[in-house]
Protein backbone atom coordinates (compact mmCIF):
# COMPACT_ATOMS: atom_id res chain seq x y z
CA MET A 1 28.43 -50.67 10.61
CA ALA A 2 27.33 -53.81 12.29
CA VAL A 3 23.65 -54.33 12.55
CA ALA A 4 22.50 -55.56 15.25
CA ALA A 5 21.18 -58.74 14.74
CA PRO A 6 17.07 -59.48 15.53
CA THR A 7 16.43 -60.67 18.87
CA LYS A 8 14.86 -64.45 18.57
CA SER A 9 11.63 -65.03 19.85
CA ASP A 10 10.77 -66.17 22.76
CA ALA A 11 7.87 -69.05 23.29
CA VAL A 12 7.71 -68.64 26.85
CA LEU A 13 7.63 -64.62 27.05
CA SER A 14 4.70 -64.83 24.46
CA ALA A 15 2.43 -67.32 26.07
CA ALA A 16 2.72 -65.12 29.21
CA VAL A 17 -0.49 -63.14 28.16
CA ASP A 18 -2.38 -64.22 31.40
CA VAL A 19 0.20 -63.61 34.01
CA ALA A 20 0.51 -59.77 32.31
CA ARG A 21 -3.11 -59.32 32.49
CA SER A 22 -3.22 -60.36 36.21
CA ALA A 23 -0.17 -57.63 36.91
CA LEU A 24 -2.64 -55.20 35.14
CA ASP A 25 -5.84 -56.08 36.91
CA GLU A 26 -3.98 -56.03 40.14
CA ILE A 27 -2.92 -51.81 39.46
CA THR A 28 -6.18 -50.96 37.37
CA GLU A 29 -9.67 -50.22 37.94
CA PRO A 30 -12.23 -52.78 36.80
CA GLY A 31 -13.21 -52.61 33.06
CA SER A 32 -10.12 -50.32 31.60
CA VAL A 33 -7.62 -52.85 29.97
CA GLY A 34 -8.78 -54.05 27.07
CA GLU A 35 -7.78 -56.85 24.33
CA HIS A 36 -4.33 -58.08 23.85
CA VAL A 37 -3.09 -56.34 21.00
CA GLY A 38 0.25 -57.29 20.66
CA PHE A 39 3.44 -58.63 21.71
CA GLU A 40 7.16 -57.61 21.01
CA MET A 41 10.53 -58.77 21.91
CA LEU A 42 12.68 -56.19 24.00
CA ASP A 43 15.80 -57.76 24.55
CA GLU A 44 17.02 -61.70 25.05
CA ARG A 45 14.58 -63.03 27.39
CA LEU A 46 12.99 -59.39 27.65
CA GLY A 47 9.19 -58.88 25.87
CA MET A 48 6.42 -56.35 25.81
CA HIS A 49 2.74 -57.36 26.24
CA TRP A 50 0.30 -54.87 24.55
CA PHE A 51 -3.20 -54.39 25.48
CA ALA A 52 -5.67 -51.56 24.99
CA CYS A 53 -6.90 -49.09 27.50
CA LEU A 54 -10.48 -48.47 27.51
CA SER A 55 -10.35 -45.61 29.99
CA ALA A 56 -12.27 -42.58 29.26
CA GLY A 57 -9.85 -39.86 28.10
CA TYR A 58 -7.26 -41.81 26.93
CA GLY A 59 -7.92 -43.10 23.31
CA GLY A 60 -4.98 -44.48 21.21
CA TRP A 61 -3.09 -45.43 24.52
CA ARG A 62 -2.04 -48.37 25.87
CA TRP A 63 -1.06 -50.60 28.60
CA GLY A 64 2.24 -52.39 28.48
CA VAL A 65 3.23 -55.15 30.90
CA SER A 66 7.11 -55.93 30.73
CA VAL A 67 7.98 -59.75 31.34
CA ALA A 68 11.52 -61.76 31.84
CA ARG A 69 12.37 -64.99 32.45
CA VAL A 70 16.00 -66.14 33.66
CA PRO A 71 18.41 -68.12 31.50
CA ARG A 72 16.74 -71.86 31.16
CA GLY A 73 13.68 -70.88 32.79
CA LYS A 74 10.47 -72.15 31.97
CA VAL A 75 7.95 -69.16 34.09
CA ALA A 76 7.76 -65.35 32.97
CA THR A 77 8.03 -63.02 35.20
CA VAL A 78 6.30 -59.57 35.20
CA CYS A 79 8.77 -56.57 35.26
CA GLU A 80 7.14 -53.40 35.12
CA THR A 81 4.01 -52.33 33.89
CA ASN A 82 3.51 -49.00 31.91
CA LEU A 83 0.52 -46.66 30.28
CA LEU A 84 2.00 -45.59 27.10
CA PRO A 85 0.47 -43.45 24.19
CA GLY A 86 0.04 -45.12 20.95
CA ALA A 87 0.67 -43.06 17.13
CA ASP A 88 -2.84 -42.53 17.50
CA ALA A 89 -3.03 -40.87 20.96
CA VAL A 90 -4.24 -37.86 21.87
CA LEU A 91 -1.57 -35.86 23.68
CA ALA A 92 -1.24 -32.14 25.57
CA PRO A 93 1.37 -29.87 23.45
CA GLN A 94 4.65 -29.40 24.15
CA TRP A 95 5.50 -27.31 26.70
CA LEU A 96 6.43 -23.40 25.48
CA PRO A 97 8.45 -21.07 27.72
CA TYR A 98 6.26 -17.69 27.60
CA ALA A 99 8.38 -15.78 25.91
CA GLU A 100 8.25 -18.44 23.06
CA ARG A 101 4.51 -19.74 23.37
CA LEU A 102 2.93 -15.92 21.98
CA ALA A 103 2.73 -15.51 18.28
CA PRO A 104 2.26 -12.33 16.26
CA GLY A 105 -0.91 -10.68 17.08
CA ASP A 106 -1.48 -12.27 20.52
CA LEU A 107 -0.37 -9.05 22.18
CA GLY A 108 -3.12 -6.60 23.39
CA ALA A 109 -3.40 -3.30 24.96
CA GLY A 110 -1.56 -3.42 28.31
CA ASP A 111 0.51 -6.72 27.63
CA THR A 112 4.11 -6.50 27.73
CA LEU A 113 6.64 -8.86 26.11
CA PRO A 114 9.69 -10.16 28.71
CA TYR A 115 13.36 -8.55 27.45
CA ARG A 116 15.02 -11.13 25.60
CA ALA A 117 18.88 -10.65 25.48
CA ASP A 118 19.62 -12.90 23.20
CA ASP A 119 16.52 -12.12 20.76
CA PRO A 120 18.38 -13.47 16.99
CA ASN A 121 16.79 -10.64 15.54
CA LEU A 122 18.26 -7.67 17.17
CA GLU A 123 22.02 -6.36 17.52
CA ALA A 124 24.01 -4.33 19.20
CA GLY A 125 23.42 -0.77 18.23
CA PHE A 126 25.54 2.45 17.61
CA GLU A 127 27.53 3.54 20.60
CA ALA A 128 28.30 7.58 21.01
CA THR A 129 31.40 8.13 19.94
CA GLY A 130 31.92 11.86 21.26
CA ASP A 131 32.61 13.19 17.54
CA GLU A 132 29.48 15.31 16.46
CA ASP A 133 29.66 14.70 13.13
CA VAL A 134 29.77 11.04 13.31
CA ASP A 135 27.05 11.02 15.71
CA GLN A 136 25.06 12.87 13.96
CA VAL A 137 25.01 10.53 10.69
CA GLY A 138 24.60 7.34 13.00
CA PHE A 139 21.99 8.84 15.19
CA PHE A 140 20.09 10.92 12.41
CA GLU A 141 20.62 9.55 9.47
CA LEU A 142 20.86 6.40 9.77
CA GLY A 143 18.72 5.92 12.41
CA LEU A 144 20.65 3.93 14.86
CA GLY A 145 21.68 5.78 18.80
CA ARG A 146 19.67 3.01 20.06
CA PRO A 147 20.45 -0.01 22.55
CA ARG A 148 20.33 -2.53 19.53
CA VAL A 149 18.96 -2.62 15.85
CA LEU A 150 18.12 -4.89 13.77
CA SER A 151 19.85 -7.91 12.55
CA ALA A 152 20.90 -9.21 9.15
CA GLU A 153 18.70 -12.02 10.00
CA GLY A 154 15.31 -9.75 11.46
CA ARG A 155 15.82 -7.99 8.31
CA GLU A 156 15.34 -11.12 6.27
CA GLN A 157 12.77 -12.64 8.26
CA ALA A 158 10.83 -8.87 8.21
CA ALA A 159 11.20 -8.64 4.64
CA THR A 160 10.02 -12.27 3.60
CA ARG A 161 6.90 -11.95 5.95
CA TRP A 162 5.68 -8.36 3.98
CA TYR A 163 6.62 -9.63 0.77
CA GLU A 164 4.33 -12.56 0.90
CA GLY A 165 2.01 -10.81 3.06
CA SER A 166 -1.50 -8.95 1.75
CA HIS A 167 0.89 -5.88 0.41
CA GLY A 168 3.06 -7.95 -1.90
CA PRO A 169 2.93 -8.71 -5.38
CA THR A 170 0.96 -12.37 -4.75
CA ALA A 171 -2.23 -10.38 -3.24
CA GLU A 172 -4.94 -10.22 -5.50
CA VAL A 173 -5.66 -6.68 -5.34
CA ALA A 174 -1.97 -6.75 -6.47
CA THR A 175 -2.70 -8.93 -9.56
CA LYS A 176 -6.10 -7.26 -10.43
CA ALA A 177 -3.96 -4.39 -10.33
CA THR A 178 -3.02 -2.34 -13.97
CA ASP A 179 -0.08 -0.09 -12.43
CA ARG A 180 2.52 -0.88 -9.92
CA CYS A 181 3.37 0.95 -6.27
CA THR A 182 7.46 1.97 -7.34
CA SER A 183 5.54 4.61 -10.21
CA CYS A 184 2.83 5.77 -7.54
CA GLY A 185 3.06 9.19 -6.40
CA TYR A 186 1.82 7.85 -2.85
CA LEU A 187 4.70 5.75 -2.50
CA VAL A 188 6.94 6.82 0.71
CA PRO A 189 10.23 5.50 -0.06
CA MET A 190 11.59 3.86 3.15
CA PRO A 191 15.62 4.45 4.66
CA GLY A 192 17.64 2.05 4.86
CA ALA A 193 18.64 -1.40 3.44
CA LEU A 194 14.73 -1.96 2.55
CA ARG A 195 14.38 1.09 0.45
CA SER A 196 14.83 -0.73 -2.91
CA VAL A 197 12.12 -3.46 -1.48
CA PHE A 198 9.54 -1.30 -0.03
CA GLY A 199 7.64 1.38 0.40
CA VAL A 200 4.87 3.30 2.78
CA CYS A 201 1.66 3.94 0.89
CA ALA A 202 -0.05 7.14 1.77
CA ASN A 203 -3.24 6.90 -0.29
CA ALA A 204 -6.25 7.39 1.36
CA TRP A 205 -7.97 5.63 -1.25
CA SER A 206 -6.14 2.67 -1.35
CA PRO A 207 -6.49 -0.71 1.16
CA SER A 208 -3.07 -0.48 1.99
CA ASP A 209 -3.15 3.08 3.17
CA GLY A 210 -0.31 3.15 6.15
CA GLN A 211 1.09 0.02 5.42
CA VAL A 212 4.46 -1.03 4.09
CA VAL A 213 4.00 -2.42 0.91
CA SER A 214 6.37 -3.77 -1.47
CA LEU A 215 7.48 -1.94 -4.79
CA ASP A 216 5.75 -4.16 -7.57
CA HIS A 217 2.53 -4.57 -4.93
CA GLY A 218 -0.39 -2.33 -6.80
CA CYS A 219 -3.73 -1.28 -6.31
CA GLY A 220 -6.89 0.73 -8.15
CA ALA A 221 -5.99 3.77 -6.28
CA HIS A 222 -2.91 4.38 -8.54
CA SER A 223 -2.13 8.16 -8.64
CA GLU A 224 -1.43 7.49 -12.55
CA THR A 225 -4.11 4.97 -13.55
CA GLU A 226 -6.13 6.18 -16.60
CA ALA A 227 -9.72 5.00 -16.27
CA GLU A 228 -11.96 5.26 -19.64
CA GLN A 229 -14.50 8.06 -18.54
CA PRO A 230 -17.79 7.66 -20.37
CA GLU A 231 -19.08 10.09 -22.46
CA PRO A 232 -22.38 11.92 -20.34
CA LEU A 233 -25.93 11.10 -22.54
CA SER A 234 -27.42 13.91 -24.02
CA VAL A 235 -30.89 14.46 -22.33
CA GLY A 236 -33.57 16.54 -23.70
CA GLN A 237 -35.77 19.49 -22.18
CA PRO A 238 -38.48 17.71 -20.26
CA ILE A 239 -41.78 16.92 -21.43
CA VAL A 240 -44.96 17.28 -19.50
CA ASP A 241 -47.46 14.08 -20.27
CA GLU A 242 -50.70 16.40 -20.26
CA PHE A 243 -52.89 12.85 -20.65
CA ALA A 244 -51.51 11.95 -17.18
CA VAL A 245 -51.58 14.98 -15.88
CA ASP A 246 -54.38 17.98 -15.38
CA LEU A 247 -52.95 21.44 -15.71
CA GLU A 248 -54.70 23.86 -13.96
CA PRO A 249 -53.55 28.06 -14.33
CA ALA A 250 -52.01 29.30 -10.77
CA GLU A 251 -54.63 31.61 -10.08
CA ARG A 252 -57.80 28.97 -10.36
CA ALA A 253 -55.51 26.66 -7.93
CA VAL A 254 -55.52 29.75 -5.37
CA ARG A 255 -58.50 30.96 -5.44
CA GLU A 256 -60.52 27.70 -5.17
CA PRO A 257 -59.06 26.78 -1.66
CA GLN A 258 -60.03 30.81 -0.24
CA ALA A 259 -63.69 30.36 -1.71
CA ALA A 260 -64.15 27.20 0.16
CA THR A 261 -62.96 28.76 3.13
CA ASP A 262 -65.79 31.93 2.47
CA GLU A 263 -68.24 29.67 2.51
CA ALA A 264 -68.94 28.15 6.07
CA PRO A 265 -70.33 25.20 6.69
CA ALA A 266 -74.04 24.70 8.13
CA THR A 267 -74.51 24.17 11.39
CA ASP A 268 -76.70 22.47 13.91
CA ALA A 269 -78.08 25.83 14.91
CA ASP A 270 -79.04 26.40 11.59
CA GLU A 271 -81.06 23.57 11.23
CA PRO A 272 -84.90 23.18 12.60
CA GLU A 273 -85.07 20.96 15.57
CA GLU A 274 -86.50 17.77 15.00
CA SER A 275 -89.88 16.95 16.93
CA THR A 276 -88.94 14.56 19.48
CA ASP A 277 -93.18 13.51 19.52
CA ALA A 278 -92.54 12.78 15.33
CA ASP A 279 -92.92 9.12 16.27
CA GLU A 280 -95.75 9.37 19.19
CA PRO A 281 -99.48 9.60 17.95
CA ALA A 282 -101.42 12.69 18.34
CA GLU A 283 -103.35 13.05 21.35
CA SER A 284 -107.10 13.12 20.69
CA THR A 285 -109.20 16.18 20.46
CA GLY A 286 -112.59 14.31 20.57
CA ALA A 287 -113.42 16.34 17.03
CA GLU A 288 -113.61 13.67 13.97
CA PRO A 289 -111.82 13.85 11.36
CA GLU A 290 -113.83 15.20 8.24
CA VAL A 291 -114.24 13.32 5.85
CA GLY A 292 -114.03 14.82 2.03
CA ALA A 293 -116.12 14.32 -0.71
CA ASP A 294 -113.41 13.20 -2.96
CA ASP A 295 -112.50 10.61 -0.38
CA PRO A 296 -112.59 7.65 -2.29
CA LEU A 297 -113.25 5.19 0.97
CA GLN A 298 -116.71 6.84 1.40
CA PRO A 299 -119.89 6.04 0.08
CA ALA A 300 -120.96 8.98 -2.43
CA GLU A 301 -124.31 10.82 -0.68
CA PRO A 302 -127.33 10.95 -3.18
CA ALA A 303 -127.66 13.93 -4.84
CA GLU A 304 -130.50 16.42 -4.21
CA SER A 305 -133.29 15.96 -6.19
CA ASP A 306 -135.90 19.37 -6.84
CA GLN A 307 -138.98 17.55 -6.62
CA PRO A 308 -140.89 17.40 -3.75
CA THR A 309 -141.42 13.91 -1.94
CA ASP A 310 -144.76 12.52 -0.36
CA PRO A 311 -143.21 12.15 3.50
CA GLU A 312 -144.90 9.35 4.17
CA THR A 313 -143.38 7.15 1.43
CA GLU A 314 -140.51 9.55 0.57
CA GLN A 315 -141.38 8.72 -3.14
CA PRO A 316 -141.64 11.83 -4.88
CA THR A 317 -145.20 13.08 -6.34
CA ASP A 318 -146.14 13.70 -9.84
């Protein structure tokens, strides 16, 4: 196979940087053209100048200006200008048809998938032959009687997805289990070609209840798992701590509240009314209070003498 010879460099075209930039300035907004980032030869006497794009939202994009010259020409002319994505440019995702755009788990209530006549996961189903015995085997025992059934490719994809999923042998719950689903009494075998690899779990205590599980899957709810049963601890008779609890006979505890209810508390009617004039001074009646003989504040009266006194001198006479 012949190898194409590399294109020779062209000094006239590689030096036409200003010519290329002038062509961009005529078609772009001010400030959207950055520095010159390179030049490459596309063909003989045909090259491309690259400039950075400074427009918002176009990171990684580049302006390209192709220039050419005629044979033995000394002047470069502009052929076309382009805005092209670079290696690190932000691009929109590739457009996909609606039927291919949906991913597993996207379908919600009320959504409907479009019909795919060429679905590789399906193939034509069993058609009635008119023979009752043959149709009985096809419809009921083989699960046919539908327009299309799983193809070999569809079964292989489903088996791979289930086996490598959360109900396969590599799941965390399976790696920590002590026994496999193949010996569990809650495993419901599947009919058809997948019977040798998968079954349906019917254990309400299992995290895989109602799910398709591989036969080498496992969990802690296996029907034949024997866990060590700890022996119950012997507990003696309860002991009442009399140092922290005061015990009283039941009869006394009943009588004391009854006696308390029989004794009615004193009401305000039984108490004597206090005088409202207690703090007021007593009214004068004109009578002087009697001074007692034993009052220490009063001078004591002289005792009466039995001797006669002179009325003029009030001296006692002999």
